[in-house]
Amino acid sequence: MMGLTEKQADLLRFIAGFQAARGYSPTFDEMADGLGLKSKGCVARLADGLEERKAIRRLPDRARAIEVLVPVSIPRAPDGGALRLVTAAEMARGAQ
């Protein structure tokens, strides 16, 4: 995905999947929990990288305002709902 790091790609998929499942963007706390990160600062750095690479746009002065600017493949459950995040590391282990 557009030269993203593994963690950036994981965050992008998490954001897109969360939005598809709930109709709004996750908070930084929800992103940290979803990716197993210890701090919101880590999420902020990853989100900054996604924004620099034009994968997302954060709208100023609006809570939960993240727009995904690139197509993201989100796995779907049989009922059409978004599945949980599958990290790049999990995907790599499954491909071996």
C-alpha atoms as a PDB file:
ATOM      1  CA  MET A   1       0.000   0.000   0.000  1.00  0.00           C
ATOM      2  CA  MET A   2       1.642   3.258  -1.217  1.00  0.00           C
ATOM      3  CA  GLY A   3       4.938   2.673   0.620  1.00  0.00           C
ATOM      4  CA  LEU A   4       3.306   2.491   4.033  1.00  0.00           C
ATOM      5  CA  THR A   5       5.000   0.792   6.938  1.00  0.00           C
ATOM      6  CA  GLU A   6       3.389  -2.339   8.319  1.00  0.00           C
ATOM      7  CA  LYS A   7       1.965  -0.450  11.300  1.00  0.00           C
ATOM      8  CA  GLN A   8       0.670   2.393   9.116  1.00  0.00           C
ATOM      9  CA  ALA A   9      -1.113  -0.124   6.879  1.00  0.00           C
ATOM     10  CA  ASP A  10      -2.570  -1.791   9.985  1.00  0.00           C
ATOM     11  CA  LEU A  11      -3.845   1.564  11.241  1.00  0.00           C
ATOM     12  CA  LEU A  12      -5.324   2.449   7.852  1.00  0.00           C
ATOM     13  CA  ARG A  13      -7.198  -0.877   7.712  1.00  0.00           C
ATOM     14  CA  PHE A  14      -8.350  -0.413  11.311  1.00  0.00           C
ATOM     15  CA  ILE A  15      -9.707   3.081  10.613  1.00  0.00           C
ATOM     16  CA  ALA A  16     -11.480   2.001   7.420  1.00  0.00           C
ATOM     17  CA  GLY A  17     -12.943  -1.105   9.066  1.00  0.00           C
ATOM     18  CA  PHE A  18     -14.087   0.841  12.116  1.00  0.00           C
ATOM     19  CA  GLN A  19     -15.766   3.430   9.908  1.00  0.00           C
ATOM     20  CA  ALA A  20     -17.460   0.738   7.827  1.00  0.00           C
ATOM     21  CA  ALA A  21     -18.718  -1.083  10.922  1.00  0.00           C
ATOM     22  CA  ARG A  22     -19.823   1.925  12.971  1.00  0.00           C
ATOM     23  CA  GLY A  23     -20.298   4.822  10.602  1.00  0.00           C
ATOM     24  CA  TYR A  24     -17.819   7.124  12.336  1.00  0.00           C
ATOM     25  CA  SER A  25     -14.066   7.283  12.959  1.00  0.00           C
ATOM     26  CA  PRO A  26     -12.342   5.756  15.990  1.00  0.00           C
ATOM     27  CA  THR A  27     -10.763   7.834  18.742  1.00  0.00           C
ATOM     28  CA  PHE A  28      -7.008   7.661  19.269  1.00  0.00           C
ATOM     29  CA  ASP A  29      -7.682   5.524  22.370  1.00  0.00           C
ATOM     30  CA  GLU A  30      -9.728   3.077  20.282  1.00  0.00           C
ATOM     31  CA  MET A  31      -6.985   2.983  17.643  1.00  0.00           C
ATOM     32  CA  ALA A  32      -4.323   2.304  20.284  1.00  0.00           C
ATOM     33  CA  ASP A  33      -6.427  -0.492  21.787  1.00  0.00           C
ATOM     34  CA  GLY A  34      -7.229  -1.951  18.375  1.00  0.00           C
ATOM     35  CA  LEU A  35      -3.576  -2.093  17.361  1.00  0.00           C
ATOM     36  CA  GLY A  36      -2.269  -3.138  20.766  1.00  0.00           C
ATOM     37  CA  LEU A  37      -0.259   0.070  21.189  1.00  0.00           C
ATOM     38  CA  LYS A  38       0.520   1.507  24.599  1.00  0.00           C
ATOM     39  CA  SER A  39      -0.018   5.188  23.905  1.00  0.00           C
ATOM     40  CA  LYS A  40      -1.972   7.691  21.871  1.00  0.00           C
ATOM     41  CA  GLY A  41       1.367   9.252  20.927  1.00  0.00           C
ATOM     42  CA  CYS A  42       2.242   6.161  18.887  1.00  0.00           C
ATOM     43  CA  VAL A  43      -1.113   6.436  17.108  1.00  0.00           C
ATOM     44  CA  ALA A  44      -0.525  10.141  16.458  1.00  0.00           C
ATOM     45  CA  ARG A  45       2.849   9.415  14.802  1.00  0.00           C
ATOM     46  CA  LEU A  46       1.315   6.687  12.639  1.00  0.00           C
ATOM     47  CA  ALA A  47      -1.594   8.954  11.680  1.00  0.00           C
ATOM     48  CA  ASP A  48       0.858  11.753  10.822  1.00  0.00           C
ATOM     49  CA  GLY A  49       2.634   9.341   8.470  1.00  0.00           C
ATOM     50  CA  LEU A  50      -0.656   8.342   6.842  1.00  0.00           C
ATOM     51  CA  GLU A  51      -1.536  11.989   6.374  1.00  0.00           C
ATOM     52  CA  GLU A  52       1.897  12.795   4.883  1.00  0.00           C
ATOM     53  CA  ARG A  53       1.408   9.959   2.375  1.00  0.00           C
ATOM     54  CA  LYS A  54      -2.063  11.285   1.509  1.00  0.00           C
ATOM     55  CA  ALA A  55      -3.792   8.091   2.707  1.00  0.00           C
ATOM     56  CA  ILE A  56      -5.997   9.984   5.181  1.00  0.00           C
ATOM     57  CA  ARG A  57      -7.051  13.530   5.919  1.00  0.00           C
ATOM     58  CA  ARG A  58      -7.796  14.714   9.448  1.00  0.00           C
ATOM     59  CA  LEU A  59     -10.212  17.583   9.609  1.00  0.00           C
ATOM     60  CA  PRO A  60      -9.166  20.267  12.082  1.00  0.00           C
ATOM     61  CA  ASP A  61     -11.304  21.141  15.101  1.00  0.00           C
ATOM     62  CA  ARG A  62     -13.607  18.141  14.639  1.00  0.00           C
ATOM     63  CA  ALA A  63     -13.552  15.089  16.874  1.00  0.00           C
ATOM     64  CA  ARG A  64     -13.283  11.734  15.091  1.00  0.00           C
ATOM     65  CA  ALA A  65     -12.964  13.488  11.726  1.00  0.00           C
ATOM     66  CA  ILE A  66     -10.747  11.237   9.598  1.00  0.00           C
ATOM     67  CA  GLU A  67     -11.342  10.797   5.908  1.00  0.00           C
ATOM     68  CA  VAL A  68      -9.758   7.768   4.211  1.00  0.00           C
ATOM     69  CA  LEU A  69      -8.496   8.934   0.811  1.00  0.00           C
ATOM     70  CA  VAL A  70      -7.325   5.629  -0.696  1.00  0.00           C
ATOM     71  CA  PRO A  71      -9.174   2.393  -1.387  1.00  0.00           C
ATOM     72  CA  VAL A  72      -8.793  -0.081   1.475  1.00  0.00           C
ATOM     73  CA  SER A  73      -9.772  -3.726   1.305  1.00  0.00           C
ATOM     74  CA  ILE A  74     -11.853  -4.543   4.380  1.00  0.00           C
ATOM     75  CA  PRO A  75     -12.628  -8.195   5.041  1.00  0.00           C
ATOM     76  CA  ARG A  76     -16.366  -8.803   5.414  1.00  0.00           C
ATOM     77  CA  ALA A  77     -18.349 -11.275   7.487  1.00  0.00           C
ATOM     78  CA  PRO A  78     -21.131 -13.294   5.819  1.00  0.00           C
ATOM     79  CA  ASP A  79     -23.677 -10.783   7.127  1.00  0.00           C
ATOM     80  CA  GLY A  80     -21.793  -7.948   5.374  1.00  0.00           C
ATOM     81  CA  GLY A  81     -20.315  -6.456   8.557  1.00  0.00           C
ATOM     82  CA  ALA A  82     -16.646  -5.544   8.773  1.00  0.00           C
ATOM     83  CA  LEU A  83     -14.413  -8.120  10.449  1.00  0.00           C
ATOM     84  CA  ARG A  84     -11.880  -7.363  13.148  1.00  0.00           C
ATOM     85  CA  LEU A  85      -8.480  -5.949  12.250  1.00  0.00           C
ATOM     86  CA  VAL A  86      -6.011  -8.488  10.927  1.00  0.00           C
ATOM     87  CA  THR A  87      -2.515  -7.074  11.306  1.00  0.00           C
ATOM     88  CA  ALA A  88       0.102  -7.327   8.581  1.00  0.00           C
ATOM     89  CA  ALA A  89       2.135  -9.626  10.856  1.00  0.00           C
ATOM     90  CA  GLU A  90      -0.865 -11.990  11.199  1.00  0.00           C
ATOM     91  CA  MET A  91      -1.368 -11.928   7.433  1.00  0.00           C
ATOM     92  CA  ALA A  92       2.299 -12.747   6.842  1.00  0.00           C
ATOM     93  CA  ARG A  93       2.168 -15.684   9.262  1.00  0.00           C
ATOM     94  CA  GLY A  94      -0.921 -17.021   7.500  1.00  0.00           C
ATOM     95  CA  ALA A  95       0.719 -16.760   4.075  1.00  0.00           C
ATOM     96  CA  GLN A  96       3.688 -18.951   5.038  1.00  0.00           C
END
